[in-house]
Amino acid sequence: MSDEGRKNFTDKVAESVKPEGDKSLWDKTTEAVTDAYDKVAASLQPEEDKSLSQKVGDKLSDTPSNPAKKF
């Protein structure tokens, strides 16, 4: 489950498991747009307003360009 306006964690997992070669241009474009939107939403949403599952999902998806946030 995800917080309102955020990308569902199960969708993130499904996208990462599917090989890039099996994705259509539409799939790749949609994934890139929704990933970008979710990163912005994650950075704008205060930690205290995030559900536990959203905090965990954000922590797992953090990259060096988006340093891990403590929760």
Foldseek 3Di string as FASTA:
>chain_A
DFDPPADDLVVVVVVVVDDPVPDDPVRVVVVVVRVVSRVVVVVPDDPVPTDPVHLVSQQVPDDPVRDHDDD
